[in-house]
Amino acid sequence: MIALFSSEYCCSVGATAGKNDELTITEALRDPLIAIVMRADGVTSEEFKRLLEAAARELKANLAKSSFPPTGG
């Protein structure tokens, strides 16, 4: 899985960059191919950034929930 990281947030993305195949949100927003697709889809950089950050927060929360063993009797 390829991960996208921005400070404490991470989410999956279908692009690669860098030695670890990780792309930050900032890098994704500056990527020319992603910009072309966003323009074609009528999506602004701010909308895309909010989407990525929301997805990253949700993924982080889900990962935190799944990293603890189940409790109960």
N, C-alpha and C. Protein backbone atom coordinates (compact mmCIF):
# COMPACT_ATOMS: atom_id res chain seq x y z
N MET A 1 0.84 -1.17 0.00
CA MET A 1 0.00 0.00 0.00
C MET A 1 0.89 1.23 0.00
N ILE A 2 0.54 2.22 -0.77
CA ILE A 2 1.26 3.47 -0.83
C ILE A 2 0.58 4.44 0.11
N ALA A 3 1.34 5.10 0.94
CA ALA A 3 0.76 5.98 1.95
C ALA A 3 1.01 7.44 1.62
N LEU A 4 0.13 8.28 2.09
CA LEU A 4 0.25 9.71 1.92
C LEU A 4 0.30 10.32 3.31
N PHE A 5 1.34 11.06 3.62
CA PHE A 5 1.52 11.60 4.96
C PHE A 5 1.56 13.11 4.96
N SER A 6 0.92 13.72 5.92
CA SER A 6 1.02 15.15 6.19
C SER A 6 1.00 15.30 7.70
N SER A 7 2.12 15.62 8.28
CA SER A 7 2.32 15.68 9.71
C SER A 7 1.81 14.39 10.34
N GLU A 8 0.74 14.44 11.11
CA GLU A 8 0.27 13.23 11.78
C GLU A 8 -0.74 12.43 10.98
N TYR A 9 -1.17 12.94 9.84
CA TYR A 9 -2.20 12.29 9.05
C TYR A 9 -1.60 11.45 7.94
N CYS A 10 -2.25 10.35 7.62
CA CYS A 10 -1.83 9.57 6.47
C CYS A 10 -3.07 8.98 5.82
N CYS A 11 -2.99 8.79 4.53
CA CYS A 11 -4.06 8.12 3.81
C CYS A 11 -3.49 7.54 2.52
N SER A 12 -4.20 6.59 1.95
CA SER A 12 -3.72 5.94 0.74
C SER A 12 -3.85 6.85 -0.46
N VAL A 13 -2.94 6.66 -1.41
CA VAL A 13 -3.00 7.43 -2.65
C VAL A 13 -2.40 6.57 -3.76
N GLY A 14 -2.82 6.78 -4.97
CA GLY A 14 -2.34 5.98 -6.09
C GLY A 14 -1.17 6.59 -6.83
N ALA A 15 -0.33 7.34 -6.16
CA ALA A 15 0.85 7.93 -6.80
C ALA A 15 2.05 7.66 -5.91
N THR A 16 3.24 7.74 -6.49
CA THR A 16 4.44 7.48 -5.71
C THR A 16 5.40 8.65 -5.83
N ALA A 17 6.20 8.82 -4.79
CA ALA A 17 7.25 9.84 -4.80
C ALA A 17 8.23 9.51 -3.69
N GLY A 18 9.49 9.85 -3.90
CA GLY A 18 10.48 9.65 -2.86
C GLY A 18 10.93 8.22 -2.71
N LYS A 19 11.88 8.04 -1.82
CA LYS A 19 12.49 6.72 -1.65
C LYS A 19 11.57 5.69 -1.00
N ASN A 20 10.55 6.15 -0.25
CA ASN A 20 9.65 5.22 0.43
C ASN A 20 8.30 5.13 -0.24
N ASP A 21 8.19 5.62 -1.46
CA ASP A 21 6.92 5.63 -2.18
C ASP A 21 5.83 6.33 -1.39
N GLU A 22 6.21 7.37 -0.64
CA GLU A 22 5.25 8.14 0.13
C GLU A 22 5.13 9.54 -0.47
N LEU A 23 3.94 10.06 -0.47
CA LEU A 23 3.66 11.36 -1.03
C LEU A 23 2.94 12.18 0.03
N THR A 24 3.47 13.33 0.38
CA THR A 24 2.78 14.18 1.36
C THR A 24 1.59 14.86 0.69
N ILE A 25 0.69 15.37 1.50
CA ILE A 25 -0.44 16.11 0.95
C ILE A 25 0.06 17.31 0.16
N THR A 26 1.06 18.00 0.69
CA THR A 26 1.63 19.15 -0.01
C THR A 26 2.18 18.74 -1.37
N GLU A 27 2.90 17.62 -1.41
CA GLU A 27 3.44 17.14 -2.68
C GLU A 27 2.32 16.76 -3.65
N ALA A 28 1.27 16.14 -3.14
CA ALA A 28 0.14 15.78 -4.00
C ALA A 28 -0.51 17.02 -4.60
N LEU A 29 -0.63 18.06 -3.78
CA LEU A 29 -1.25 19.30 -4.26
C LEU A 29 -0.38 20.01 -5.29
N ARG A 30 0.93 19.75 -5.28
CA ARG A 30 1.85 20.38 -6.23
C ARG A 30 2.14 19.51 -7.45
N ASP A 31 1.65 18.29 -7.44
CA ASP A 31 1.94 17.36 -8.53
C ASP A 31 1.21 17.81 -9.80
N PRO A 32 1.93 17.95 -10.92
CA PRO A 32 1.30 18.43 -12.15
C PRO A 32 0.22 17.50 -12.70
N LEU A 33 0.41 16.20 -12.61
CA LEU A 33 -0.59 15.26 -13.13
C LEU A 33 -1.86 15.32 -12.28
N ILE A 34 -1.70 15.37 -10.98
CA ILE A 34 -2.86 15.49 -10.10
C ILE A 34 -3.58 16.80 -10.37
N ALA A 35 -2.82 17.88 -10.61
CA ALA A 35 -3.43 19.18 -10.92
C ALA A 35 -4.25 19.12 -12.20
N ILE A 36 -3.77 18.40 -13.20
CA ILE A 36 -4.51 18.27 -14.46
C ILE A 36 -5.83 17.54 -14.23
N VAL A 37 -5.78 16.46 -13.46
CA VAL A 37 -7.00 15.70 -13.17
C VAL A 37 -7.98 16.54 -12.34
N MET A 38 -7.45 17.26 -11.35
CA MET A 38 -8.32 18.13 -10.54
C MET A 38 -9.00 19.18 -11.40
N ARG A 39 -8.24 19.79 -12.29
CA ARG A 39 -8.79 20.82 -13.18
C ARG A 39 -9.88 20.22 -14.06
N ALA A 40 -9.61 19.04 -14.61
CA ALA A 40 -10.59 18.38 -15.48
C ALA A 40 -11.87 18.03 -14.71
N ASP A 41 -11.71 17.71 -13.44
CA ASP A 41 -12.85 17.34 -12.61
C ASP A 41 -13.52 18.53 -11.92
N GLY A 42 -12.93 19.71 -12.09
CA GLY A 42 -13.50 20.90 -11.45
C GLY A 42 -13.30 20.94 -9.96
N VAL A 43 -12.21 20.36 -9.47
CA VAL A 43 -11.92 20.31 -8.04
C VAL A 43 -10.82 21.32 -7.73
N THR A 44 -11.03 22.15 -6.72
CA THR A 44 -10.01 23.12 -6.33
C THR A 44 -8.98 22.46 -5.41
N SER A 45 -7.83 23.10 -5.31
CA SER A 45 -6.78 22.59 -4.42
C SER A 45 -7.26 22.53 -2.98
N GLU A 46 -8.01 23.55 -2.56
CA GLU A 46 -8.51 23.58 -1.19
C GLU A 46 -9.51 22.44 -0.94
N GLU A 47 -10.38 22.16 -1.89
CA GLU A 47 -11.33 21.04 -1.74
C GLU A 47 -10.58 19.72 -1.64
N PHE A 48 -9.58 19.54 -2.50
CA PHE A 48 -8.80 18.31 -2.51
C PHE A 48 -8.02 18.15 -1.20
N LYS A 49 -7.45 19.25 -0.72
CA LYS A 49 -6.71 19.22 0.55
C LYS A 49 -7.63 18.82 1.70
N ARG A 50 -8.83 19.43 1.76
CA ARG A 50 -9.77 19.08 2.82
C ARG A 50 -10.17 17.61 2.74
N LEU A 51 -10.38 17.11 1.51
CA LEU A 51 -10.73 15.70 1.33
C LEU A 51 -9.62 14.79 1.84
N LEU A 52 -8.39 15.07 1.45
CA LEU A 52 -7.26 14.24 1.88
C LEU A 52 -7.07 14.29 3.39
N GLU A 53 -7.19 15.46 3.98
CA GLU A 53 -7.03 15.57 5.43
C GLU A 53 -8.14 14.85 6.18
N ALA A 54 -9.36 14.92 5.68
CA ALA A 54 -10.48 14.21 6.31
C ALA A 54 -10.28 12.70 6.21
N ALA A 55 -9.86 12.24 5.04
CA ALA A 55 -9.60 10.81 4.86
C ALA A 55 -8.47 10.35 5.76
N ALA A 56 -7.44 11.18 5.90
CA ALA A 56 -6.31 10.83 6.75
C ALA A 56 -6.73 10.74 8.21
N ARG A 57 -7.56 11.69 8.66
CA ARG A 57 -8.03 11.64 10.05
C ARG A 57 -8.86 10.38 10.30
N GLU A 58 -9.73 10.04 9.35
CA GLU A 58 -10.57 8.85 9.51
C GLU A 58 -9.72 7.58 9.52
N LEU A 59 -8.75 7.51 8.63
CA LEU A 59 -7.87 6.35 8.60
C LEU A 59 -7.08 6.23 9.89
N LYS A 60 -6.57 7.36 10.38
CA LYS A 60 -5.82 7.35 11.63
C LYS A 60 -6.68 6.85 12.78
N ALA A 61 -7.92 7.32 12.85
CA ALA A 61 -8.84 6.89 13.91
C ALA A 61 -9.13 5.40 13.79
N ASN A 62 -9.36 4.92 12.57
CA ASN A 62 -9.63 3.49 12.37
C ASN A 62 -8.42 2.64 12.71
N LEU A 63 -7.22 3.11 12.37
CA LEU A 63 -6.01 2.37 12.71
C LEU A 63 -5.80 2.33 14.21
N ALA A 64 -6.11 3.43 14.90
CA ALA A 64 -5.97 3.47 16.35
C ALA A 64 -6.93 2.49 17.01
N LYS A 65 -8.15 2.40 16.49
CA LYS A 65 -9.13 1.46 17.04
C LYS A 65 -8.69 0.03 16.84
N SER A 66 -8.12 -0.27 15.67
CA SER A 66 -7.77 -1.65 15.37
C SER A 66 -6.45 -2.07 15.99
N SER A 67 -5.66 -1.13 16.51
CA SER A 67 -4.36 -1.49 17.07
C SER A 67 -4.45 -1.96 18.51
N PHE A 68 -5.62 -1.78 19.14
CA PHE A 68 -5.80 -2.23 20.51
C PHE A 68 -6.54 -3.56 20.52
N PRO A 69 -6.10 -4.49 21.38
CA PRO A 69 -6.81 -5.78 21.44
C PRO A 69 -8.22 -5.58 21.98
N PRO A 70 -9.16 -6.42 21.54
CA PRO A 70 -10.54 -6.29 22.00
C PRO A 70 -10.62 -6.51 23.51
N THR A 71 -11.54 -5.79 24.14
CA THR A 71 -11.74 -5.95 25.58
C THR A 71 -13.06 -6.64 25.82
N GLY A 72 -13.23 -7.14 26.99
CA GLY A 72 -14.49 -7.78 27.34
C GLY A 72 -14.24 -9.20 27.82
N GLY A 73 -15.32 -9.82 28.20
CA GLY A 73 -15.14 -11.08 28.85
C GLY A 73 -15.62 -12.21 28.14
